[in-house]
């Protein structure tokens, strides 16, 4: 369900720059080295070209972590145990948080969310769990438990069923895997504010339709890898693809697209859909990662995508697991990148004081986000004030991005979606 909370006309511009891309996945030599602006380039062109590099780098890393998760799926299904199950969960968290950084590349009909884009297949939420598998009081529910209707679980089937008949009918994506790993976030049939879902690894061993559940999990993981490969290819340099089109746009159009992504994510999507809605409706089902209780990390990752675009950086999530239940000791930071220039440089050229004000507000947003209760359930049921502080900080950041845009002469409409 979508909610319209904020509508604003933002004037804006800018974007991020990156240097070395991940060496895997067919990365082009031009994306493996730090590149400084050429004298013949305008600052605007430098920012646009570098934004492409940052997008490519982040999708490369999202693919790398998804492939690692896929390998963990195979290892778990080959030898199910609590140890292999926990390792798979940790790999999901890592993959999810890296993907979260890429959310800043949405909201302008680019490869991720144009009419043919995979966003709904990768990241749709909230989901009605009963559409996929059993839930409390309904042991025979879901696609998994209906071999009479769906005798074979395939990628073609699941993509055709995703959001069929309703946007909560989620059959694929990161949250589909999350549900298959954690199960409902309930205790004795009631929503839990103190623990994540408690699905047992034995659901894949001797439970009803265990084999079908395992096949479903495997297909979902493979679909994520496939979708991310498509996004990597769309942003590959020196190809006839979206990146080539993007870098050859009029600079005003490209900059408008870029600032739309971070402004919409900050002002409307993250502040509204992803934080305020859950508080306003008092419903845990509206938090991003409600089964694993990793919504605090989702929020941090989404914001850091905005931060990276502004600063021309590649800052990553500082992992905080609720209750110490997920061992993320192997979730080491991704390789750093250097030689970056972001939106701040472009705005500072026009209005240095405003550029600094935006940077200070980003620091405030980051601090406010890290004050959100862990798990996020606690914020919904008893401590909403801290989350509402983060909501307001994100909205203020959007307003400052509006002023930055006005300084650059660009106009962007955000918060007007359905």
Protein backbone atom coordinates (compact mmCIF):
# COMPACT_ATOMS: atom_id res chain seq x y z
CA UNK A 1 0.00 0.00 0.00
CA UNK A 2 1.29 3.45 -0.84
CA UNK A 3 0.54 6.52 1.22
CA UNK A 4 0.78 10.15 0.16
CA UNK A 5 2.19 12.15 3.05
CA UNK A 6 4.45 14.81 1.62
CA UNK A 7 4.20 16.77 -1.61
CA UNK A 8 6.79 19.30 -2.55
CA UNK A 9 8.32 20.86 -5.59
CA UNK A 10 12.05 20.62 -5.10
CA UNK A 11 14.50 22.41 -7.27
CA UNK A 12 17.67 20.45 -7.33
CA UNK A 13 20.78 19.10 -8.86
CA UNK A 14 23.92 17.31 -8.34
CA UNK A 15 25.24 13.91 -7.66
CA UNK A 16 27.93 11.60 -6.76
CA UNK A 17 31.20 10.39 -8.10
CA UNK A 18 33.08 7.22 -7.68
CA UNK A 19 36.31 5.67 -8.71
CA UNK A 20 37.39 2.07 -8.54
CA UNK A 21 34.64 -0.45 -9.20
CA UNK A 22 34.62 -3.98 -7.96
CA UNK A 23 37.05 -5.98 -10.10
CA UNK A 24 34.53 -8.70 -10.76
CA UNK A 25 31.47 -9.04 -12.97
CA UNK A 26 33.12 -7.84 -16.16
CA UNK A 27 34.06 -4.45 -14.78
CA UNK A 28 35.61 -2.19 -17.35
CA UNK A 29 39.21 -0.98 -16.82
CA UNK A 30 37.88 2.57 -16.67
CA UNK A 31 35.97 1.62 -13.54
CA UNK A 32 38.94 0.10 -11.71
CA UNK A 33 41.05 3.20 -11.21
CA UNK A 34 40.70 6.54 -9.53
CA UNK A 35 39.92 9.21 -12.08
CA UNK A 36 40.42 12.90 -11.53
CA UNK A 37 38.43 15.48 -13.52
CA UNK A 38 39.92 16.26 -16.91
CA UNK A 39 40.60 19.86 -17.71
CA UNK A 40 38.28 19.71 -20.72
CA UNK A 41 35.33 18.54 -18.63
CA UNK A 42 32.90 20.84 -16.89
CA UNK A 43 32.22 20.13 -13.24
CA UNK A 44 28.70 19.09 -14.22
CA UNK A 45 29.96 16.50 -16.69
CA UNK A 46 32.47 15.22 -14.18
CA UNK A 47 29.72 14.74 -11.61
CA UNK A 48 27.45 12.99 -14.11
CA UNK A 49 30.15 10.60 -15.30
CA UNK A 50 31.23 9.88 -11.76
CA UNK A 51 27.65 9.21 -10.66
CA UNK A 52 27.58 6.46 -13.27
CA UNK A 53 30.68 4.99 -11.70
CA UNK A 54 29.19 5.09 -8.22
CA UNK A 55 26.00 3.38 -9.40
CA UNK A 56 28.02 0.68 -11.16
CA UNK A 57 30.24 0.12 -8.12
CA UNK A 58 27.27 -0.27 -5.78
CA UNK A 59 25.48 -2.71 -8.07
CA UNK A 60 28.70 -4.69 -8.49
CA UNK A 61 28.89 -5.07 -4.73
CA UNK A 62 25.20 -5.87 -4.42
CA UNK A 63 25.74 -8.66 -6.95
CA UNK A 64 28.84 -9.95 -5.15
CA UNK A 65 27.00 -10.21 -1.84
CA UNK A 66 23.93 -11.76 -3.49
CA UNK A 67 26.14 -14.41 -5.06
CA UNK A 68 27.66 -15.10 -1.65
CA UNK A 69 24.14 -15.48 -0.24
CA UNK A 70 23.26 -17.82 -3.09
CA UNK A 71 26.26 -19.98 -2.24
CA UNK A 72 25.10 -20.08 1.38
CA UNK A 73 21.66 -21.20 0.23
CA UNK A 74 23.23 -24.10 -1.66
CA UNK A 75 25.41 -25.02 1.32
CA UNK A 76 22.49 -24.95 3.72
CA UNK A 77 20.19 -27.02 1.53
CA UNK A 78 22.96 -29.56 0.97
CA UNK A 79 23.55 -29.94 4.73
CA UNK A 80 20.83 -28.30 6.84
CA UNK A 81 21.89 -27.46 10.39
CA UNK A 82 21.62 -24.61 12.84
CA UNK A 83 25.16 -23.54 11.94
CA UNK A 84 24.55 -23.43 8.18
CA UNK A 85 21.17 -21.75 8.76
CA UNK A 86 22.73 -18.99 10.87
CA UNK A 87 25.46 -18.48 8.28
CA UNK A 88 22.79 -18.11 5.59
CA UNK A 89 20.91 -15.56 7.68
CA UNK A 90 24.07 -13.53 8.18
CA UNK A 91 24.71 -13.56 4.43
CA UNK A 92 21.19 -12.27 3.82
CA UNK A 93 21.77 -9.36 6.20
CA UNK A 94 25.03 -8.46 4.46
CA UNK A 95 23.47 -8.71 0.99
CA UNK A 96 20.44 -6.71 2.08
CA UNK A 97 22.47 -3.88 3.57
CA UNK A 98 24.67 -3.56 0.48
CA UNK A 99 21.60 -3.50 -1.74
CA UNK A 100 20.13 -0.82 0.51
CA UNK A 101 22.86 1.58 -0.59
CA UNK A 102 21.53 1.39 -4.15
CA UNK A 103 18.11 2.76 -3.27
CA UNK A 104 19.36 6.26 -4.05
CA UNK A 105 19.43 5.33 -7.75
CA UNK A 106 15.66 5.01 -7.93
CA UNK A 107 12.71 7.31 -8.60
CA UNK A 108 13.54 8.62 -12.08
CA UNK A 109 12.60 5.63 -14.26
CA UNK A 110 16.13 4.34 -14.60
CA UNK A 111 16.95 0.65 -15.12
CA UNK A 112 15.88 -0.32 -11.61
CA UNK A 113 12.33 1.02 -11.71
CA UNK A 114 11.28 1.83 -15.25
CA UNK A 115 8.41 -0.15 -16.75
CA UNK A 116 10.68 -3.16 -17.30
CA UNK A 117 12.79 -2.69 -14.18
CA UNK A 118 13.12 -5.37 -11.49
CA UNK A 119 12.54 -3.20 -8.41
CA UNK A 120 9.18 -4.74 -7.54
CA UNK A 121 10.63 -8.20 -7.98
CA UNK A 122 13.68 -7.41 -5.83
CA UNK A 123 12.37 -5.25 -3.04
CA UNK A 124 8.56 -5.14 -2.79
CA UNK A 125 7.05 -4.86 0.70
CA UNK A 126 5.07 -5.12 2.90
CA UNK A 127 4.16 -8.71 2.14
CA UNK A 128 1.25 -10.88 3.09
CA UNK A 129 3.07 -13.95 4.37
CA UNK A 130 0.09 -16.23 3.81
CA UNK A 131 0.61 -15.82 0.07
CA UNK A 132 3.94 -17.65 0.26
CA UNK A 133 3.98 -20.11 3.16
CA UNK A 134 2.26 -21.21 6.34
CA UNK A 135 1.50 -18.79 9.14
CA UNK A 136 0.13 -19.20 12.66
CA UNK A 137 -3.25 -20.92 12.47
CA UNK A 138 -2.95 -21.60 8.71
CA UNK A 139 -0.56 -24.56 8.29
CA UNK A 140 -1.57 -25.24 4.69
CA UNK A 141 -1.35 -21.68 3.38
CA UNK A 142 0.76 -20.32 0.59
CA UNK A 143 2.29 -21.27 -2.73
CA UNK A 144 4.68 -23.65 -1.02
CA UNK A 145 1.86 -25.71 0.47
CA UNK A 146 -0.25 -25.90 -2.68
CA UNK A 147 1.44 -28.47 -4.93
CA UNK A 148 -1.98 -29.14 -6.40
CA UNK A 149 -2.05 -25.60 -7.86
CA UNK A 150 1.68 -25.13 -8.38
CA UNK A 151 3.26 -28.54 -8.93
CA UNK A 152 6.62 -27.11 -9.96
CA UNK A 153 8.30 -24.09 -8.40
CA UNK A 154 10.16 -22.18 -11.10
CA UNK A 155 11.45 -18.67 -11.67
CA UNK A 156 8.82 -18.18 -14.37
CA UNK A 157 6.04 -19.16 -11.99
CA UNK A 158 7.18 -16.96 -9.12
CA UNK A 159 7.74 -13.89 -11.26
CA UNK A 160 4.26 -14.33 -12.72
CA UNK A 161 2.74 -14.60 -9.24
CA UNK A 162 4.60 -11.64 -7.72
CA UNK A 163 2.07 -8.92 -6.79
CA UNK A 164 -0.62 -10.79 -8.73
CA UNK A 165 -4.00 -9.67 -7.42
CA UNK A 166 -2.53 -7.18 -4.93
CA UNK A 167 0.69 -5.37 -4.10
CA UNK A 168 1.05 -7.30 -0.83
CA UNK A 169 1.02 -10.61 -2.70
CA UNK A 170 4.81 -10.77 -2.71
CA UNK A 171 6.28 -13.95 -4.14
CA UNK A 172 9.91 -12.92 -4.75
CA UNK A 173 12.75 -10.70 -3.58
CA UNK A 174 14.85 -9.98 -0.51
CA UNK A 175 11.82 -9.91 1.77
CA UNK A 176 10.59 -13.20 0.38
CA UNK A 177 13.89 -14.77 1.39
CA UNK A 178 13.74 -12.97 4.71
CA UNK A 179 10.38 -14.59 5.48
CA UNK A 180 11.64 -18.01 4.43
CA UNK A 181 14.59 -17.65 6.82
CA UNK A 182 12.97 -16.02 9.86
CA UNK A 183 9.25 -16.69 9.54
CA UNK A 184 6.60 -14.52 11.15
CA UNK A 185 7.70 -12.07 13.83
CA UNK A 186 5.28 -13.48 16.39
CA UNK A 187 5.27 -15.08 19.81
CA UNK A 188 2.32 -17.37 20.52
CA UNK A 189 0.45 -15.91 17.56
CA UNK A 190 0.89 -12.26 18.59
CA UNK A 191 3.26 -9.65 17.11
CA UNK A 192 6.54 -9.60 19.00
CA UNK A 193 8.36 -6.41 19.90
CA UNK A 194 11.33 -8.16 21.47
CA UNK A 195 12.34 -10.88 19.07
CA UNK A 196 12.57 -11.56 15.37
CA UNK A 197 10.84 -14.46 13.64
CA UNK A 198 11.75 -17.88 15.02
CA UNK A 199 11.55 -20.20 12.01
CA UNK A 200 13.53 -23.39 12.61
CA UNK A 201 15.99 -24.83 10.13
CA UNK A 202 13.98 -28.05 10.45
CA UNK A 203 11.35 -26.44 8.21
CA UNK A 204 13.77 -27.52 5.47
CA UNK A 205 14.36 -31.00 6.85
CA UNK A 206 11.24 -32.83 8.02
CA UNK A 207 8.41 -30.28 8.00
CA UNK A 208 5.52 -30.51 5.58
CA UNK A 209 6.67 -29.58 2.05
CA UNK A 210 10.25 -29.13 3.24
CA UNK A 211 11.64 -29.94 -0.21
CA UNK A 212 9.34 -27.43 -1.90
CA UNK A 213 10.32 -24.79 0.66
CA UNK A 214 13.97 -25.39 -0.13
CA UNK A 215 13.36 -25.19 -3.85
CA UNK A 216 11.45 -21.95 -3.38
CA UNK A 217 14.33 -20.47 -1.38
CA UNK A 218 16.82 -21.50 -4.04
CA UNK A 219 14.78 -20.03 -6.90
CA UNK A 220 14.37 -16.70 -5.05
CA UNK A 221 18.09 -16.43 -4.44
CA UNK A 222 18.87 -17.17 -8.07
CA UNK A 223 16.33 -14.60 -9.22
CA UNK A 224 18.00 -11.87 -7.14
CA UNK A 225 21.37 -12.70 -8.68
CA UNK A 226 19.85 -12.63 -12.17
CA UNK A 227 18.14 -9.28 -11.62
CA UNK A 228 21.29 -7.69 -10.25
CA UNK A 229 23.31 -8.94 -13.20
CA UNK A 230 20.91 -7.06 -15.44
CA UNK A 231 21.44 -3.85 -13.44
CA UNK A 232 25.22 -4.24 -13.60
CA UNK A 233 25.01 -4.61 -17.38
CA UNK A 234 22.79 -1.53 -17.66
CA UNK A 235 25.53 0.57 -16.01
CA UNK A 236 28.54 -1.08 -17.67
CA UNK A 237 30.84 1.50 -19.30
CA UNK A 238 31.63 1.53 -23.00
CA UNK A 239 28.43 -0.30 -23.98
CA UNK A 240 25.29 0.66 -25.83
CA UNK A 241 23.13 0.65 -22.72
CA UNK A 242 21.41 2.93 -20.22
CA UNK A 243 24.70 4.31 -18.96
CA UNK A 244 25.64 5.49 -22.43
CA UNK A 245 22.25 7.16 -22.79
CA UNK A 246 22.54 8.72 -19.35
CA UNK A 247 25.99 10.17 -19.93
CA UNK A 248 24.91 11.66 -23.25
CA UNK A 249 21.81 13.40 -21.91
CA UNK A 250 21.69 17.14 -21.57
CA UNK A 251 23.41 17.82 -18.26
CA UNK A 252 20.28 19.43 -16.81
CA UNK A 253 18.25 16.28 -17.49
CA UNK A 254 20.86 13.96 -16.02
CA UNK A 255 21.30 16.13 -12.93
CA UNK A 256 17.54 16.34 -12.51
CA UNK A 257 17.34 12.55 -12.53
CA UNK A 258 20.11 12.23 -9.99
CA UNK A 259 18.72 14.71 -7.50
CA UNK A 260 15.24 13.26 -7.90
CA UNK A 261 16.60 9.96 -6.62
CA UNK A 262 18.09 11.27 -3.41
CA UNK A 263 15.41 13.90 -2.77
CA UNK A 264 12.52 11.44 -3.19
CA UNK A 265 14.25 8.86 -1.04
CA UNK A 266 14.93 11.34 1.76
CA UNK A 267 11.86 13.54 1.80
CA UNK A 268 9.07 11.14 0.88
CA UNK A 269 10.07 7.49 0.68
CA UNK A 270 12.37 7.08 3.68
CA UNK A 271 10.78 9.68 5.93
CA UNK A 272 7.24 8.74 4.87
CA UNK A 273 6.72 5.23 3.55
CA UNK A 274 9.52 3.55 5.44
CA UNK A 275 9.37 5.22 8.84
CA UNK A 276 6.26 7.34 9.38
CA UNK A 277 3.71 4.86 8.02
CA UNK A 278 4.66 2.15 10.50
CA UNK A 279 4.47 4.61 13.40
CA UNK A 280 1.25 6.23 12.18
CA UNK A 281 -0.55 2.92 11.68
CA UNK A 282 1.02 1.19 14.68
CA UNK A 283 1.61 -1.87 12.53
CA UNK A 284 4.81 -3.91 12.52
CA UNK A 285 3.87 -5.28 9.12
CA UNK A 286 4.77 -1.88 7.65
CA UNK A 287 8.39 -1.90 8.75
CA UNK A 288 10.87 -2.78 6.03
CA UNK A 289 12.39 -5.96 7.42
CA UNK A 290 9.76 -7.04 9.91
CA UNK A 291 10.67 -10.74 10.00
CA UNK A 292 14.37 -10.34 10.82
CA UNK A 293 14.06 -7.10 12.83
CA UNK A 294 16.78 -5.52 10.70
CA UNK A 295 14.78 -2.41 9.79
CA UNK A 296 17.26 -0.20 11.64
CA UNK A 297 19.97 -1.37 9.23
CA UNK A 298 17.70 -0.90 6.20
CA UNK A 299 17.14 2.69 7.25
CA UNK A 300 20.82 3.35 7.76
CA UNK A 301 21.75 1.81 4.41
CA UNK A 302 19.09 3.78 2.53
CA UNK A 303 20.28 7.04 4.07
CA UNK A 304 23.92 6.28 3.35
CA UNK A 305 23.06 6.00 -0.34
CA UNK A 306 21.95 9.64 -0.13
CA UNK A 307 25.03 10.55 1.89
CA UNK A 308 27.34 8.94 -0.64
CA UNK A 309 25.71 10.76 -3.53
CA UNK A 310 26.13 14.11 -1.78
CA UNK A 311 29.69 13.64 -0.55
CA UNK A 312 31.06 11.51 -3.38
CA UNK A 313 31.88 8.74 -0.94
CA UNK A 314 31.22 5.06 -0.42
CA UNK A 315 30.30 4.94 3.26
CA UNK A 316 28.73 1.71 4.43
CA UNK A 317 26.50 0.42 7.20
CA UNK A 318 27.94 0.03 10.68
CA UNK A 319 26.29 -3.28 11.52
CA UNK A 320 24.22 -3.42 14.70
CA UNK A 321 22.39 -6.68 15.29
CA UNK A 322 19.51 -6.67 17.79
CA UNK A 323 20.00 -8.95 20.80
CA UNK A 324 23.26 -10.26 19.34
CA UNK A 325 21.37 -12.96 17.47
CA UNK A 326 23.05 -12.61 14.10
CA UNK A 327 26.81 -13.03 13.93
CA UNK A 328 28.07 -10.49 11.43
CA UNK A 329 31.73 -10.80 12.31
CA UNK A 330 32.42 -11.76 8.70
CA UNK A 331 30.54 -8.75 7.34
CA UNK A 332 33.70 -6.77 6.66
CA UNK A 333 33.48 -3.38 4.96
CA UNK A 334 33.54 -3.33 1.20
CA UNK A 335 36.68 -1.99 -0.47
CA UNK A 336 36.89 1.78 -0.22
CA UNK A 337 37.00 4.00 -3.26
CA UNK A 338 38.97 7.21 -3.70
CA UNK A 339 39.15 10.24 -5.94
CA UNK A 340 35.46 11.05 -5.57
CA UNK A 341 33.50 14.24 -6.12
CA UNK A 342 29.84 14.57 -5.19
CA UNK A 343 26.96 16.99 -5.23
CA UNK A 344 28.54 19.05 -2.47
CA UNK A 345 31.27 20.29 -4.82
CA UNK A 346 28.70 21.38 -7.38
CA UNK A 347 26.54 23.23 -4.87
CA UNK A 348 29.52 24.72 -3.04
CA UNK A 349 30.60 26.39 -6.25
CA UNK A 350 27.31 28.34 -6.21
CA UNK A 351 26.64 28.68 -2.49
CA UNK A 352 29.34 27.44 -0.10
CA UNK A 353 27.31 28.22 3.02
CA UNK A 354 24.34 26.22 1.76
CA UNK A 355 26.55 23.27 0.83
CA UNK A 356 27.95 23.20 4.35
CA UNK A 357 24.46 23.44 5.84
CA UNK A 358 23.36 20.39 3.85
CA UNK A 359 26.40 18.46 5.08
CA UNK A 360 25.66 19.35 8.69
CA UNK A 361 22.05 18.24 8.26
CA UNK A 362 23.22 14.92 6.84
CA UNK A 363 25.29 14.41 9.99
CA UNK A 364 22.19 15.14 12.07
CA UNK A 365 20.10 12.68 10.06
CA UNK A 366 22.71 9.96 10.55
CA UNK A 367 22.82 10.54 14.29
CA UNK A 368 19.00 10.59 14.54
CA UNK A 369 18.70 7.36 12.55
CA UNK A 370 21.12 5.62 14.86
CA UNK A 371 18.94 6.65 17.83
CA UNK A 372 15.98 4.68 16.45
CA UNK A 373 15.20 1.83 18.89
CA UNK A 374 16.51 -1.62 18.03
CA UNK A 375 14.51 -3.57 17.12
CA UNK A 376 12.29 -1.10 15.28
CA UNK A 377 9.21 -2.83 16.75
CA UNK A 378 9.87 -0.98 20.00
CA UNK A 379 9.57 2.33 18.21
CA UNK A 380 6.18 1.35 16.85
CA UNK A 381 4.64 0.22 20.10
CA UNK A 382 6.21 2.38 22.80
CA UNK A 383 9.00 4.76 21.71
CA UNK A 384 7.89 6.58 18.56
CA UNK A 385 9.45 9.95 19.43
CA UNK A 386 12.98 8.95 18.48
CA UNK A 387 11.87 7.70 15.08
CA UNK A 388 9.77 10.80 14.51
CA UNK A 389 12.91 12.86 15.13
CA UNK A 390 14.56 11.00 12.27
CA UNK A 391 11.49 11.57 10.08
CA UNK A 392 11.68 15.32 10.65
CA UNK A 393 15.43 15.38 10.05
CA UNK A 394 14.97 13.60 6.72
CA UNK A 395 12.26 16.06 5.69
CA UNK A 396 14.50 18.99 6.61
CA UNK A 397 17.25 17.46 4.52
CA UNK A 398 14.83 17.32 1.60
CA UNK A 399 14.04 21.00 2.07
CA UNK A 400 17.75 21.83 2.03
CA UNK A 401 18.19 19.81 -1.13
CA UNK A 402 15.39 21.93 -2.55
CA UNK A 403 17.40 25.07 -1.82
CA UNK A 404 20.49 23.46 -3.33
CA UNK A 405 18.51 22.78 -6.45
CA UNK A 406 17.32 26.33 -6.65
CA UNK A 407 20.93 27.44 -6.51
CA UNK A 408 21.64 25.17 -9.49
CA UNK A 409 18.54 26.20 -11.45
CA UNK A 410 16.81 22.80 -11.60
CA UNK A 411 13.23 21.94 -10.60
CA UNK A 412 12.19 18.52 -9.39
CA UNK A 413 8.78 17.33 -8.20
CA UNK A 414 8.85 14.79 -5.39
CA UNK A 415 6.35 13.26 -3.00
CA UNK A 416 3.64 13.18 -5.64
CA UNK A 417 3.55 9.41 -6.21
CA UNK A 418 0.57 7.18 -5.56
